[in-house]
């Protein structure tokens, strides 16, 4: 049977992360991980036709039902949450059931939030199929849905039973979403690992060609970095907040455009550029390192500028609902140098 690539240790329990190619079809893996008879799968319109049947066939003698979401952030809401809860209740899913998130970050966020709330908590497994979810969203136990006023405003910390990353799923990911996932890879590198940042500078062409060796390395390294952080700070009381580099303005950009213009990673890319500019203004980051970051983001095919048509008033209004505001002050993650992020109060 496939062995865990790494283990994430939390205060109360630990769980394995598996990273391998074609593990969705590994019957021995699933028989060892899933003892529950009732399994409910959350997926979306892009992923379900490709992988839902393959995964379901790997489970034998189970009661399996599913829901298939429309793609995109608009599906991550309380209405969809309530629909899934209704389905679970109407089909007599018990407290010993299992929820599975099979898809990108929207799917894994919503599936985790359902699992956290149904009967005050049931087991769930994350199977992230997008690069963004594999290196970030599915790791660490953040679950949430969006509110009309702000992204991820309703949610909780709730850890999965396991995370299974099948790198082969990235071969079917469309180009735009693949590049959007690279934003989270760059974020991890520029925030915590200067060596990984240099590796990305050298290997970006291979990465864009989806070289399996390069992909396997960067996914595992990002998961190791995040595991180290969430082990020390599960509920974002300090260190874990540094994972939000680029997200303050990124979330605001997503919200004011009603999740229409930018994918999450694209908005985070612009947010990183803004944060780097602020880091230079605060005399934390050198101009040369700022330029290295902007160049790497651009080389990944990601946006680096806020459009001139943006409504600045709406952007500032959206920032006021950022979850990092405490005592009326917004804490934003800036850079001291490549590989070293820090939190700074920037607004009263």
Protein backbone atom coordinates (compact mmCIF):
# COMPACT_ATOMS: atom_id res chain seq x y z
CA UNK A 1 0.00 0.00 0.00
CA UNK A 2 1.07 3.57 -0.67
CA UNK A 3 2.87 5.16 2.29
CA UNK A 4 2.14 8.76 3.41
CA UNK A 5 4.43 11.39 1.91
CA UNK A 6 4.19 13.47 5.08
CA UNK A 7 2.11 13.77 8.23
CA UNK A 8 0.48 16.90 9.58
CA UNK A 9 0.54 16.95 13.37
CA UNK A 10 -2.06 19.00 15.24
CA UNK A 11 -2.77 19.38 18.93
CA UNK A 12 -5.39 16.65 19.09
CA UNK A 13 -4.46 14.30 16.24
CA UNK A 14 -2.40 13.85 13.09
CA UNK A 15 -3.32 12.95 9.54
CA UNK A 16 -1.45 11.71 6.47
CA UNK A 17 -0.89 13.46 3.15
CA UNK A 18 -0.33 11.16 0.17
CA UNK A 19 1.29 12.56 -2.99
CA UNK A 20 1.54 10.19 -5.95
CA UNK A 21 0.44 9.65 -9.53
CA UNK A 22 -2.74 7.65 -10.23
CA UNK A 23 -3.51 7.00 -6.56
CA UNK A 24 -7.21 7.65 -7.23
CA UNK A 25 -7.36 4.10 -8.57
CA UNK A 26 -5.42 2.57 -5.68
CA UNK A 27 -8.02 0.22 -4.17
CA UNK A 28 -5.70 -0.81 -1.33
CA UNK A 29 -5.26 2.83 -0.29
CA UNK A 30 -8.99 3.46 -0.13
CA UNK A 31 -9.77 0.20 1.67
CA UNK A 32 -7.27 1.14 4.36
CA UNK A 33 -8.50 4.73 4.73
CA UNK A 34 -12.28 4.38 4.42
CA UNK A 35 -14.10 2.17 6.89
CA UNK A 36 -17.37 4.13 6.72
CA UNK A 37 -20.31 2.62 4.86
CA UNK A 38 -21.93 5.94 3.97
CA UNK A 39 -19.83 8.16 1.69
CA UNK A 40 -20.93 11.50 0.28
CA UNK A 41 -18.83 13.10 -2.46
CA UNK A 42 -18.74 16.80 -3.31
CA UNK A 43 -17.38 17.57 -6.78
CA UNK A 44 -17.93 20.03 -9.64
CA UNK A 45 -18.93 20.07 -13.29
CA UNK A 46 -15.35 19.93 -14.57
CA UNK A 47 -13.93 17.31 -12.24
CA UNK A 48 -16.86 14.90 -11.83
CA UNK A 49 -16.94 13.67 -15.47
CA UNK A 50 -13.23 12.91 -15.27
CA UNK A 51 -12.75 11.36 -11.83
CA UNK A 52 -15.98 10.73 -9.95
CA UNK A 53 -16.64 7.31 -11.48
CA UNK A 54 -12.99 6.24 -11.16
CA UNK A 55 -12.96 7.11 -7.49
CA UNK A 56 -16.39 5.58 -6.80
CA UNK A 57 -15.29 2.34 -8.46
CA UNK A 58 -12.34 2.16 -6.08
CA UNK A 59 -14.82 1.98 -3.19
CA UNK A 60 -16.60 -1.34 -2.77
CA UNK A 61 -19.76 -2.15 -0.83
CA UNK A 62 -20.42 1.46 0.14
CA UNK A 63 -23.53 3.65 0.10
CA UNK A 64 -22.31 6.43 -2.17
CA UNK A 65 -24.15 9.58 -3.20
CA UNK A 66 -22.81 12.87 -4.51
CA UNK A 67 -23.49 16.45 -5.47
CA UNK A 68 -21.98 18.21 -8.48
CA UNK A 69 -21.46 21.96 -8.15
CA UNK A 70 -21.26 24.59 -10.84
CA UNK A 71 -17.64 25.67 -11.18
CA UNK A 72 -16.35 28.80 -9.50
CA UNK A 73 -16.54 30.81 -6.29
CA UNK A 74 -20.26 31.49 -6.67
CA UNK A 75 -20.94 27.88 -5.67
CA UNK A 76 -19.21 28.37 -2.31
CA UNK A 77 -22.20 29.80 -0.46
CA UNK A 78 -24.73 29.08 2.26
CA UNK A 79 -27.36 27.95 -0.24
CA UNK A 80 -25.15 25.13 -1.52
CA UNK A 81 -24.16 24.33 2.05
CA UNK A 82 -27.82 24.01 3.04
CA UNK A 83 -28.62 21.89 -0.02
CA UNK A 84 -25.94 19.37 0.93
CA UNK A 85 -27.05 19.28 4.56
CA UNK A 86 -30.62 18.65 3.36
CA UNK A 87 -29.44 15.77 1.18
CA UNK A 88 -27.47 14.17 4.01
CA UNK A 89 -30.42 14.42 6.40
CA UNK A 90 -33.00 13.20 3.88
CA UNK A 91 -30.83 10.19 3.04
CA UNK A 92 -30.23 9.32 6.69
CA UNK A 93 -26.49 9.89 6.72
CA UNK A 94 -25.34 9.06 10.24
CA UNK A 95 -22.60 10.55 12.38
CA UNK A 96 -20.19 7.83 11.25
CA UNK A 97 -20.46 8.83 7.58
CA UNK A 98 -17.64 10.25 5.47
CA UNK A 99 -17.59 13.43 3.37
CA UNK A 100 -15.17 13.58 0.43
CA UNK A 101 -14.09 16.76 -1.35
CA UNK A 102 -13.10 15.82 -4.92
CA UNK A 103 -12.11 18.97 -6.79
CA UNK A 104 -10.43 22.36 -6.50
CA UNK A 105 -10.36 24.86 -3.67
CA UNK A 106 -14.06 25.75 -3.85
CA UNK A 107 -15.00 22.08 -3.49
CA UNK A 108 -12.55 21.30 -0.71
CA UNK A 109 -13.54 24.42 1.27
CA UNK A 110 -17.24 23.64 1.02
CA UNK A 111 -16.89 19.91 1.69
CA UNK A 112 -14.82 20.62 4.78
CA UNK A 113 -17.34 23.13 6.11
CA UNK A 114 -20.20 20.66 5.60
CA UNK A 115 -18.22 17.99 7.45
CA UNK A 116 -17.45 20.38 10.30
CA UNK A 117 -21.11 21.30 10.80
CA UNK A 118 -23.14 18.17 10.01
CA UNK A 119 -24.04 16.48 13.31
CA UNK A 120 -21.37 18.69 14.94
CA UNK A 121 -18.62 17.08 12.94
CA UNK A 122 -18.10 14.02 10.77
CA UNK A 123 -14.98 12.64 9.09
CA UNK A 124 -13.88 13.98 5.74
CA UNK A 125 -11.13 13.36 3.20
CA UNK A 126 -9.76 15.89 0.76
CA UNK A 127 -8.86 14.89 -2.81
CA UNK A 128 -7.63 18.15 -4.37
CA UNK A 129 -7.48 18.05 -8.17
CA UNK A 130 -6.21 21.58 -8.93
CA UNK A 131 -2.69 22.84 -8.31
CA UNK A 132 -4.00 25.60 -6.05
CA UNK A 133 -5.86 23.12 -3.86
CA UNK A 134 -2.97 20.64 -3.80
CA UNK A 135 -0.41 23.15 -2.55
CA UNK A 136 -2.68 25.23 -0.33
CA UNK A 137 -6.47 25.03 -0.03
CA UNK A 138 -6.79 21.35 0.94
CA UNK A 139 -3.96 21.43 3.48
CA UNK A 140 -4.37 22.73 7.01
CA UNK A 141 -8.06 22.51 7.87
CA UNK A 142 -9.44 25.89 6.80
CA UNK A 143 -13.08 25.49 5.72
CA UNK A 144 -15.49 28.22 4.66
CA UNK A 145 -18.17 29.60 2.40
CA UNK A 146 -18.43 33.11 1.02
CA UNK A 147 -20.82 35.82 2.15
CA UNK A 148 -22.11 38.59 -0.15
CA UNK A 149 -20.01 41.06 1.85
CA UNK A 150 -16.71 39.17 1.90
CA UNK A 151 -14.91 36.01 0.86
CA UNK A 152 -14.62 33.14 3.36
CA UNK A 153 -16.51 35.14 5.98
CA UNK A 154 -18.32 32.05 7.32
CA UNK A 155 -16.20 29.07 8.27
CA UNK A 156 -14.12 27.26 10.84
CA UNK A 157 -10.96 25.27 11.35
CA UNK A 158 -11.66 21.56 10.94
CA UNK A 159 -9.01 19.03 10.01
CA UNK A 160 -9.49 16.22 7.48
CA UNK A 161 -8.87 12.54 8.11
CA UNK A 162 -6.45 12.48 5.18
CA UNK A 163 -5.41 14.41 2.07
CA UNK A 164 -4.78 12.48 -1.14
CA UNK A 165 -3.01 14.31 -3.95
CA UNK A 166 -3.05 12.52 -7.30
CA UNK A 167 -0.61 14.52 -9.42
CA UNK A 168 -2.02 12.91 -12.56
CA UNK A 169 -5.17 15.05 -12.18
CA UNK A 170 -3.11 18.09 -13.17
CA UNK A 171 -2.81 16.72 -16.73
CA UNK A 172 -6.49 17.57 -17.28
CA UNK A 173 -6.44 20.98 -15.58
CA UNK A 174 -6.99 23.85 -18.02
CA UNK A 175 -4.14 26.27 -18.60
CA UNK A 176 -5.67 29.26 -16.86
CA UNK A 177 -6.41 27.36 -13.64
CA UNK A 178 -2.99 25.73 -13.69
CA UNK A 179 -1.29 29.13 -13.90
CA UNK A 180 -3.57 30.45 -11.16
CA UNK A 181 -2.34 27.65 -8.93
CA UNK A 182 1.22 28.79 -9.51
CA UNK A 183 0.40 31.98 -7.61
CA UNK A 184 0.07 29.97 -4.39
CA UNK A 185 3.32 28.16 -5.16
CA UNK A 186 5.09 31.50 -5.62
CA UNK A 187 3.47 32.78 -2.42
CA UNK A 188 4.86 29.87 -0.41
CA UNK A 189 8.33 30.33 -1.88
CA UNK A 190 8.59 34.10 -1.51
CA UNK A 191 7.17 33.96 2.02
CA UNK A 192 9.13 31.05 3.48
CA UNK A 193 11.73 29.44 1.23
CA UNK A 194 14.33 31.41 -0.73
CA UNK A 195 15.73 28.20 -2.22
CA UNK A 196 12.32 27.22 -3.58
CA UNK A 197 11.98 30.71 -5.04
CA UNK A 198 15.28 30.28 -6.88
CA UNK A 199 14.18 26.84 -8.08
CA UNK A 200 11.00 28.36 -9.53
CA UNK A 201 13.05 31.01 -11.33
CA UNK A 202 15.16 28.27 -12.92
CA UNK A 203 12.41 25.75 -13.63
CA UNK A 204 9.39 27.87 -14.60
CA UNK A 205 9.50 26.74 -18.23
CA UNK A 206 9.52 23.07 -17.15
CA UNK A 207 6.78 23.77 -14.65
CA UNK A 208 4.55 25.35 -17.30
CA UNK A 209 5.08 22.25 -19.43
CA UNK A 210 3.88 20.24 -16.39
CA UNK A 211 7.03 18.20 -16.06
CA UNK A 212 6.02 15.50 -13.57
CA UNK A 213 9.33 15.48 -11.71
CA UNK A 214 9.25 19.25 -11.21
CA UNK A 215 5.56 19.20 -10.26
CA UNK A 216 6.07 16.42 -7.72
CA UNK A 217 8.89 18.36 -6.10
CA UNK A 218 7.12 21.72 -5.81
CA UNK A 219 3.86 20.16 -4.56
CA UNK A 220 5.66 18.18 -1.88
CA UNK A 221 7.80 21.14 -0.85
CA UNK A 222 4.78 23.46 -0.56
CA UNK A 223 2.95 20.85 1.52
CA UNK A 224 5.99 20.45 3.78
CA UNK A 225 6.19 24.20 4.31
CA UNK A 226 2.50 24.49 5.10
CA UNK A 227 2.57 21.43 7.36
CA UNK A 228 5.36 22.98 9.39
CA UNK A 229 3.38 26.20 9.79
CA UNK A 230 -0.02 24.74 10.68
CA UNK A 231 1.60 22.31 13.12
CA UNK A 232 2.88 25.32 15.07
CA UNK A 233 -0.21 27.50 14.64
CA UNK A 234 -3.32 25.54 13.70
CA UNK A 235 -5.85 28.36 14.19
CA UNK A 236 -3.93 31.34 12.84
CA UNK A 237 -2.99 33.09 16.05
CA UNK A 238 0.36 34.24 14.73
CA UNK A 239 2.73 32.41 12.37
CA UNK A 240 -0.02 30.98 10.15
CA UNK A 241 -1.21 34.48 9.26
CA UNK A 242 1.95 34.84 7.16
CA UNK A 243 0.35 32.43 4.68
CA UNK A 244 -1.88 35.36 3.72
CA UNK A 245 0.80 37.18 1.74
CA UNK A 246 -0.97 38.65 -1.30
CA UNK A 247 -4.41 37.71 0.02
CA UNK A 248 -5.49 40.97 1.65
CA UNK A 249 -5.84 42.82 -1.63
CA UNK A 250 -6.39 39.55 -3.51
CA UNK A 251 -9.61 38.73 -1.67
CA UNK A 252 -10.81 42.32 -2.03
CA UNK A 253 -10.21 42.21 -5.79
CA UNK A 254 -12.21 39.00 -6.09
CA UNK A 255 -15.10 40.37 -4.06
CA UNK A 256 -15.58 43.75 -5.75
CA UNK A 257 -15.74 42.07 -9.15
CA UNK A 258 -18.20 39.48 -7.80
CA UNK A 259 -15.72 36.69 -8.63
CA UNK A 260 -16.13 37.36 -12.36
CA UNK A 261 -12.85 38.88 -13.56
CA UNK A 262 -10.21 37.01 -11.59
CA UNK A 263 -9.58 33.48 -10.46
CA UNK A 264 -8.33 33.32 -6.88
CA UNK A 265 -4.71 32.82 -7.90
CA UNK A 266 -4.84 35.69 -10.38
CA UNK A 267 -6.14 38.05 -7.69
CA UNK A 268 -3.47 36.81 -5.26
CA UNK A 269 -0.80 37.48 -7.91
CA UNK A 270 -1.85 41.13 -8.09
CA UNK A 271 -2.12 41.20 -4.29
CA UNK A 272 1.49 40.02 -4.01
CA UNK A 273 2.64 42.79 -6.34
CA UNK A 274 0.82 45.38 -4.21
CA UNK A 275 2.23 43.90 -0.99
CA UNK A 276 5.74 43.95 -2.43
CA UNK A 277 5.35 47.62 -3.40
CA UNK A 278 4.23 48.42 0.15
CA UNK A 279 7.20 46.44 1.48
CA UNK A 280 9.56 48.64 -0.54
CA UNK A 281 7.79 51.82 0.64
CA UNK A 282 8.17 50.66 4.25
CA UNK A 283 11.89 50.13 3.59
CA UNK A 284 11.61 46.41 4.32
CA UNK A 285 12.27 44.96 0.86
CA UNK A 286 14.90 45.96 -1.70
CA UNK A 287 13.80 47.14 -5.14
CA UNK A 288 15.85 44.37 -6.77
CA UNK A 289 14.01 41.66 -4.82
CA UNK A 290 10.66 43.30 -5.56
CA UNK A 291 11.54 43.16 -9.26
CA UNK A 292 12.50 39.48 -8.98
CA UNK A 293 9.08 38.71 -7.55
CA UNK A 294 7.20 40.68 -10.19
CA UNK A 295 9.24 39.01 -12.92
CA UNK A 296 8.53 35.53 -11.56
CA UNK A 297 4.81 36.25 -11.35
CA UNK A 298 4.82 37.53 -14.93
CA UNK A 299 6.84 34.52 -16.15
CA UNK A 300 4.07 32.29 -14.77
CA UNK A 301 1.62 34.11 -17.03
CA UNK A 302 -0.13 35.83 -14.15
CA UNK A 303 -1.35 39.46 -13.96
CA UNK A 304 0.84 42.01 -12.21
CA UNK A 305 -1.25 45.20 -12.38
CA UNK A 306 -4.60 46.40 -11.07
CA UNK A 307 -6.77 47.47 -14.02
CA UNK A 308 -7.20 51.24 -14.37
CA UNK A 309 -10.99 50.80 -14.36
CA UNK A 310 -10.98 49.47 -10.80
CA UNK A 311 -13.22 51.29 -8.33
CA UNK A 312 -10.79 52.26 -5.56
CA UNK A 313 -13.60 53.22 -3.18
CA UNK A 314 -15.15 49.76 -3.48
CA UNK A 315 -11.74 48.16 -3.03
CA UNK A 316 -11.12 50.10 0.21
CA UNK A 317 -14.63 49.22 1.43
CA UNK A 318 -13.96 45.54 0.84
CA UNK A 319 -10.72 45.76 2.81
CA UNK A 320 -12.71 46.86 5.87
CA UNK A 321 -14.23 43.37 6.13
CA UNK A 322 -10.89 41.61 5.98
CA UNK A 323 -10.64 38.94 8.69
CA UNK A 324 -7.22 40.24 9.76
CA UNK A 325 -8.63 43.49 11.17
CA UNK A 326 -8.29 43.68 14.96
CA UNK A 327 -9.11 46.71 17.09
CA UNK A 328 -9.85 48.66 13.94
CA UNK A 329 -6.41 48.04 12.46
CA UNK A 330 -5.57 45.97 9.40
CA UNK A 331 -2.58 43.66 9.69
CA UNK A 332 -1.05 42.97 6.29
CA UNK A 333 1.69 40.51 5.40
CA UNK A 334 4.72 42.20 3.83
CA UNK A 335 8.19 40.99 2.86
CA UNK A 336 11.47 41.64 4.63
CA UNK A 337 13.31 39.68 1.94
CA UNK A 338 12.62 36.82 -0.43
CA UNK A 339 11.83 33.86 1.78
CA UNK A 340 10.96 35.94 4.84
CA UNK A 341 7.47 37.36 5.30
CA UNK A 342 6.33 39.44 8.26
CA UNK A 343 3.08 40.96 9.49
CA UNK A 344 2.73 44.75 9.67
CA UNK A 345 -0.06 47.12 10.73
CA UNK A 346 -0.74 49.29 7.70
CA UNK A 347 -4.10 50.96 8.26
CA UNK A 348 -6.09 52.49 11.11
